[in-house]
Protein backbone atom coordinates (compact mmCIF):
# COMPACT_ATOMS: atom_id res chain seq x y z
CA MET A 1 -39.36 -5.10 52.01
CA SER A 2 -36.62 -3.23 53.75
CA HIS A 3 -34.72 -0.43 52.10
CA LYS A 4 -31.64 -2.70 51.96
CA GLN A 5 -33.57 -4.97 49.59
CA HIS A 6 -34.18 -1.95 47.36
CA GLN A 7 -30.61 -0.64 47.31
CA GLU A 8 -30.37 -0.77 43.49
CA LEU A 9 -33.57 1.28 43.28
CA ILE A 10 -32.36 3.79 45.86
CA ASN A 11 -29.07 4.23 43.97
CA ALA A 12 -30.81 4.66 40.60
CA LEU A 13 -33.27 7.18 42.06
CA HIS A 14 -30.47 9.18 43.67
CA GLU A 15 -28.39 9.24 40.48
CA CYS A 16 -31.38 10.19 38.36
CA ALA A 17 -32.44 13.03 40.66
CA ALA A 18 -28.87 14.39 40.66
CA ALA A 19 -28.66 14.19 36.85
CA CYS A 20 -32.03 15.91 36.47
CA ASN A 21 -31.08 18.69 38.88
CA HIS A 22 -27.82 19.24 37.01
CA CYS A 23 -29.62 19.22 33.64
CA TYR A 24 -32.27 21.61 34.94
CA ASP A 25 -29.62 24.08 36.07
CA ALA A 26 -27.57 23.73 32.87
CA CYS A 27 -30.65 24.13 30.65
CA LEU A 28 -31.40 27.47 32.28
CA LYS A 29 -27.94 28.66 31.21
CA GLU A 30 -28.36 27.65 27.56
CA GLU A 31 -28.45 30.40 24.95
CA ASN A 32 -31.96 29.56 23.72
CA VAL A 33 -33.74 28.83 27.00
CA LYS A 34 -37.16 28.90 25.32
CA MET A 35 -36.24 25.71 23.43
CA MET A 36 -35.43 24.07 26.77
CA VAL A 37 -38.75 24.75 28.53
CA ASP A 38 -40.10 21.20 28.24
CA CYS A 39 -36.74 19.78 29.28
CA VAL A 40 -36.58 22.04 32.35
CA ARG A 41 -40.15 21.20 33.33
CA LEU A 42 -39.61 17.44 33.03
CA ASP A 43 -36.24 17.65 34.81
CA ARG A 44 -38.06 19.18 37.80
CA GLU A 45 -40.87 16.60 37.73
CA CYS A 46 -38.42 13.73 37.46
CA ALA A 47 -36.04 15.00 40.16
CA ASP A 48 -38.98 15.53 42.51
CA ILE A 49 -40.53 12.08 42.06
CA CYS A 50 -37.14 10.35 42.27
CA SER A 51 -36.25 12.19 45.47
CA TYR A 52 -39.65 11.46 46.97
CA LEU A 53 -39.50 7.77 46.10
CA GLU A 54 -35.94 7.49 47.42
CA HIS A 55 -37.09 8.85 50.79
CA ALA A 56 -40.27 6.77 50.79
CA VAL A 57 -38.35 3.56 50.09
CA SER A 58 -35.85 4.34 52.84
CA ARG A 59 -38.73 4.58 55.33
CA ASN A 60 -40.24 1.33 54.04
CA THR A 61 -43.36 2.69 52.37
CA PRO A 62 -46.01 0.10 51.55
CA PHE A 63 -46.57 1.87 48.20
CA VAL A 64 -43.22 1.08 46.55
CA SER A 65 -44.66 -0.69 43.51
CA GLU A 66 -47.33 1.95 42.83
CA LEU A 67 -44.89 4.84 43.21
CA ALA A 68 -42.24 3.04 41.17
CA ALA A 69 -44.72 2.65 38.28
CA VAL A 70 -45.43 6.40 38.28
CA CYS A 71 -41.73 7.18 38.63
CA ALA A 72 -40.88 4.96 35.65
CA LYS A 73 -43.40 6.83 33.50
CA ILE A 74 -42.00 10.23 34.47
CA CYS A 75 -38.38 9.07 34.04
CA GLU A 76 -39.16 7.81 30.53
CA ALA A 77 -40.84 11.09 29.60
CA CYS A 78 -37.88 13.07 30.90
CA GLY A 79 -35.39 10.80 29.16
CA ASN A 80 -37.26 11.09 25.86
CA GLU A 81 -37.26 14.88 26.09
CA CYS A 82 -33.61 15.12 27.12
CA LYS A 83 -32.41 12.86 24.31
CA LYS A 84 -33.85 15.36 21.80
CA HIS A 85 -31.15 17.86 22.80
CA ASN A 86 -27.48 17.52 21.88
CA HIS A 87 -26.17 19.11 25.06
CA GLU A 88 -23.96 16.78 27.09
CA HIS A 89 -25.98 17.41 30.26
CA CYS A 90 -29.19 16.40 28.46
CA GLN A 91 -27.64 13.22 27.07
CA LYS A 92 -26.30 12.20 30.50
CA CYS A 93 -29.66 12.99 32.07
CA ALA A 94 -31.48 10.87 29.48
CA GLU A 95 -29.16 7.97 30.25
CA ALA A 96 -29.81 8.25 34.00
CA CYS A 97 -33.56 8.57 33.41
CA PHE A 98 -33.77 5.46 31.24
CA LYS A 99 -31.70 3.45 33.71
CA CYS A 100 -33.91 4.57 36.59
CA ALA A 101 -37.07 3.80 34.60
CA GLU A 102 -35.88 0.24 34.03
CA VAL A 103 -35.10 -0.30 37.73
CA CYS A 104 -38.47 1.20 38.68
CA LYS A 105 -40.27 -1.10 36.24
CA SER A 106 -38.57 -4.12 37.79
CA VAL A 107 -39.95 -3.09 41.19
CA ALA A 108 -43.40 -2.01 40.01
């Protein structure tokens, strides 16, 4: 499949990576950073896999479904962690993660 056929996936991956990077940065500025360690760690994991998959899809990787399955799992884990925190950046990140997970599952 060409990357044009995966445009919804590419968009969701891009938005999720951006939300995770923003959340990661904002979490590091929170007063109690120690409480945010798991969130920061998962933000990094999620942003990295989303960015990788976005690039892989754009170059027509034959492993889209396998990578999308892994990405969905990581996005769900990140979303579940972020939704535990009341910070606006965490809530927005969780929303982007869950949306991306759903799109990834539809491709996987």
